[in-house]
């Protein structure tokens, strides 16, 4: 198994998207950010903060994406449950979101 940043990112993102492990990964990330033990110690001026900034950016982007997806799903569910459709709208087309995957 090759070690790469992409494989770690994919594992982290998939763990966050799994409802069973989501809160454990978020809690572990926050504990890592608050912990004095790092992969790159913070005593080094710029290099020490790189892993913290990267992890915080990844956490915020993924959690905000999950919140937005949940909000959109809830908004879509509420509009279909209430039966509120605009007058004159006869379109039955739906949008399907697909994650792109690069093949090497």
C-alpha atoms as a PDB file:
ATOM      1  CA  UNK A   1       0.000   0.000   0.000  1.00  0.00           C
ATOM      2  CA  UNK A   2       1.464   3.320  -1.037  1.00  0.00           C
ATOM      3  CA  UNK A   3       1.459   6.206   1.398  1.00  0.00           C
ATOM      4  CA  UNK A   4       0.218   9.445  -0.093  1.00  0.00           C
ATOM      5  CA  UNK A   5      -1.532  12.618   0.930  1.00  0.00           C
ATOM      6  CA  UNK A   6      -4.397  11.770  -1.454  1.00  0.00           C
ATOM      7  CA  UNK A   7      -5.042   8.442   0.290  1.00  0.00           C
ATOM      8  CA  UNK A   8      -5.111  10.139   3.707  1.00  0.00           C
ATOM      9  CA  UNK A   9      -7.465  12.817   2.384  1.00  0.00           C
ATOM     10  CA  UNK A  10      -9.770  10.185   0.860  1.00  0.00           C
ATOM     11  CA  UNK A  11      -9.813   8.183   4.100  1.00  0.00           C
ATOM     12  CA  UNK A  12     -10.533  11.308   6.167  1.00  0.00           C
ATOM     13  CA  UNK A  13     -13.319  12.478   3.853  1.00  0.00           C
ATOM     14  CA  UNK A  14     -14.939   9.029   3.732  1.00  0.00           C
ATOM     15  CA  UNK A  15     -14.740   8.732   7.529  1.00  0.00           C
ATOM     16  CA  UNK A  16     -16.470  12.101   7.915  1.00  0.00           C
ATOM     17  CA  UNK A  17     -19.208  11.081   5.500  1.00  0.00           C
ATOM     18  CA  UNK A  18     -19.857   7.835   7.372  1.00  0.00           C
ATOM     19  CA  UNK A  19     -22.506   8.620  10.027  1.00  0.00           C
ATOM     20  CA  UNK A  20     -21.125   5.894  12.301  1.00  0.00           C
ATOM     21  CA  UNK A  21     -17.684   7.521  12.624  1.00  0.00           C
ATOM     22  CA  UNK A  22     -18.439  11.177  11.875  1.00  0.00           C
ATOM     23  CA  UNK A  23     -18.487  12.524  15.443  1.00  0.00           C
ATOM     24  CA  UNK A  24     -15.443  10.467  16.431  1.00  0.00           C
ATOM     25  CA  UNK A  25     -13.427  11.910  13.550  1.00  0.00           C
ATOM     26  CA  UNK A  26     -14.545  15.470  14.340  1.00  0.00           C
ATOM     27  CA  UNK A  27     -13.711  15.001  18.037  1.00  0.00           C
ATOM     28  CA  UNK A  28     -10.340  13.410  17.182  1.00  0.00           C
ATOM     29  CA  UNK A  29      -9.490  16.278  14.851  1.00  0.00           C
ATOM     30  CA  UNK A  30     -10.324  18.887  17.476  1.00  0.00           C
ATOM     31  CA  UNK A  31      -8.289  17.017  20.109  1.00  0.00           C
ATOM     32  CA  UNK A  32      -5.344  16.824  17.684  1.00  0.00           C
ATOM     33  CA  UNK A  33      -5.560  20.561  17.007  1.00  0.00           C
ATOM     34  CA  UNK A  34      -5.587  21.341  20.746  1.00  0.00           C
ATOM     35  CA  UNK A  35      -2.912  18.777  21.609  1.00  0.00           C
ATOM     36  CA  UNK A  36       0.726  19.825  22.013  1.00  0.00           C
ATOM     37  CA  UNK A  37       1.751  16.577  20.260  1.00  0.00           C
ATOM     38  CA  UNK A  38       1.815  17.102  16.470  1.00  0.00           C
ATOM     39  CA  UNK A  39       3.340  15.524  13.397  1.00  0.00           C
ATOM     40  CA  UNK A  40       5.175  18.809  12.878  1.00  0.00           C
ATOM     41  CA  UNK A  41       5.809  20.498  16.249  1.00  0.00           C
ATOM     42  CA  UNK A  42       4.504  24.044  16.581  1.00  0.00           C
ATOM     43  CA  UNK A  43       7.838  25.336  17.883  1.00  0.00           C
ATOM     44  CA  UNK A  44       9.019  25.629  14.277  1.00  0.00           C
ATOM     45  CA  UNK A  45       7.762  29.039  13.064  1.00  0.00           C
ATOM     46  CA  UNK A  46       5.904  28.289   9.808  1.00  0.00           C
ATOM     47  CA  UNK A  47       6.304  24.575   9.230  1.00  0.00           C
ATOM     48  CA  UNK A  48       4.755  23.761  12.619  1.00  0.00           C
ATOM     49  CA  UNK A  49       1.438  25.346  11.740  1.00  0.00           C
ATOM     50  CA  UNK A  50       1.108  23.778   8.272  1.00  0.00           C
ATOM     51  CA  UNK A  51      -0.413  20.493   9.482  1.00  0.00           C
ATOM     52  CA  UNK A  52      -2.789  22.325  11.842  1.00  0.00           C
ATOM     53  CA  UNK A  53      -3.985  24.749   9.150  1.00  0.00           C
ATOM     54  CA  UNK A  54      -4.381  21.942   6.614  1.00  0.00           C
ATOM     55  CA  UNK A  55      -6.382  19.787   9.021  1.00  0.00           C
ATOM     56  CA  UNK A  56      -8.551  22.690  10.175  1.00  0.00           C
ATOM     57  CA  UNK A  57      -9.253  23.711   6.580  1.00  0.00           C
ATOM     58  CA  UNK A  58     -10.162  20.149   5.649  1.00  0.00           C
ATOM     59  CA  UNK A  59     -12.427  19.791   8.697  1.00  0.00           C
ATOM     60  CA  UNK A  60     -14.266  23.068   8.089  1.00  0.00           C
ATOM     61  CA  UNK A  61     -14.752  22.431   4.371  1.00  0.00           C
ATOM     62  CA  UNK A  62     -16.052  18.880   4.818  1.00  0.00           C
ATOM     63  CA  UNK A  63     -18.329  19.657   7.774  1.00  0.00           C
ATOM     64  CA  UNK A  64     -19.757  22.725   6.034  1.00  0.00           C
ATOM     65  CA  UNK A  65     -20.357  20.614   2.927  1.00  0.00           C
ATOM     66  CA  UNK A  66     -22.205  18.028   5.028  1.00  0.00           C
ATOM     67  CA  UNK A  67     -24.303  20.742   6.667  1.00  0.00           C
ATOM     68  CA  UNK A  68     -25.202  22.273   3.299  1.00  0.00           C
ATOM     69  CA  UNK A  69     -26.107  18.863   1.830  1.00  0.00           C
ATOM     70  CA  UNK A  70     -28.276  18.102   4.853  1.00  0.00           C
ATOM     71  CA  UNK A  71     -29.945  21.478   4.623  1.00  0.00           C
ATOM     72  CA  UNK A  72     -30.670  21.021   0.917  1.00  0.00           C
ATOM     73  CA  UNK A  73     -32.026  17.516   1.522  1.00  0.00           C
ATOM     74  CA  UNK A  74     -34.238  18.745   4.350  1.00  0.00           C
ATOM     75  CA  UNK A  75     -35.457  21.678   2.253  1.00  0.00           C
ATOM     76  CA  UNK A  76     -36.259  19.319  -0.622  1.00  0.00           C
ATOM     77  CA  UNK A  77     -38.044  16.879   1.693  1.00  0.00           C
ATOM     78  CA  UNK A  78     -40.174  19.614   3.247  1.00  0.00           C
ATOM     79  CA  UNK A  79     -41.287  20.982  -0.116  1.00  0.00           C
ATOM     80  CA  UNK A  80     -42.300  17.538  -1.398  1.00  0.00           C
ATOM     81  CA  UNK A  81     -44.050  16.578   1.837  1.00  0.00           C
ATOM     82  CA  UNK A  82     -46.148  19.730   1.853  1.00  0.00           C
ATOM     83  CA  UNK A  83     -47.051  19.269  -1.797  1.00  0.00           C
ATOM     84  CA  UNK A  84     -46.092  22.847  -2.595  1.00  0.00           C
ATOM     85  CA  UNK A  85     -45.417  23.070  -6.291  1.00  0.00           C
ATOM     86  CA  UNK A  86     -45.465  26.294  -8.256  1.00  0.00           C
ATOM     87  CA  UNK A  87     -48.509  26.746 -10.445  1.00  0.00           C
ATOM     88  CA  UNK A  88     -47.949  25.865 -14.075  1.00  0.00           C
ATOM     89  CA  UNK A  89     -44.964  23.703 -13.185  1.00  0.00           C
ATOM     90  CA  UNK A  90     -45.328  20.314 -14.827  1.00  0.00           C
ATOM     91  CA  UNK A  91     -41.653  19.387 -14.990  1.00  0.00           C
ATOM     92  CA  UNK A  92     -40.786  16.058 -13.366  1.00  0.00           C
ATOM     93  CA  UNK A  93     -37.064  16.299 -14.026  1.00  0.00           C
ATOM     94  CA  UNK A  94     -34.768  15.913 -11.054  1.00  0.00           C
ATOM     95  CA  UNK A  95     -31.157  16.789 -10.545  1.00  0.00           C
ATOM     96  CA  UNK A  96     -28.612  14.140  -9.643  1.00  0.00           C
ATOM     97  CA  UNK A  97     -25.370  15.226  -7.992  1.00  0.00           C
ATOM     98  CA  UNK A  98     -22.361  13.058  -8.784  1.00  0.00           C
ATOM     99  CA  UNK A  99     -18.883  13.220  -7.263  1.00  0.00           C
ATOM    100  CA  UNK A 100     -16.181  13.217  -9.915  1.00  0.00           C
ATOM    101  CA  UNK A 101     -13.406  10.679  -9.568  1.00  0.00           C
ATOM    102  CA  UNK A 102     -10.136  10.924 -11.426  1.00  0.00           C
ATOM    103  CA  UNK A 103      -8.748   7.695 -12.821  1.00  0.00           C
ATOM    104  CA  UNK A 104      -5.001   7.420 -13.152  1.00  0.00           C
END
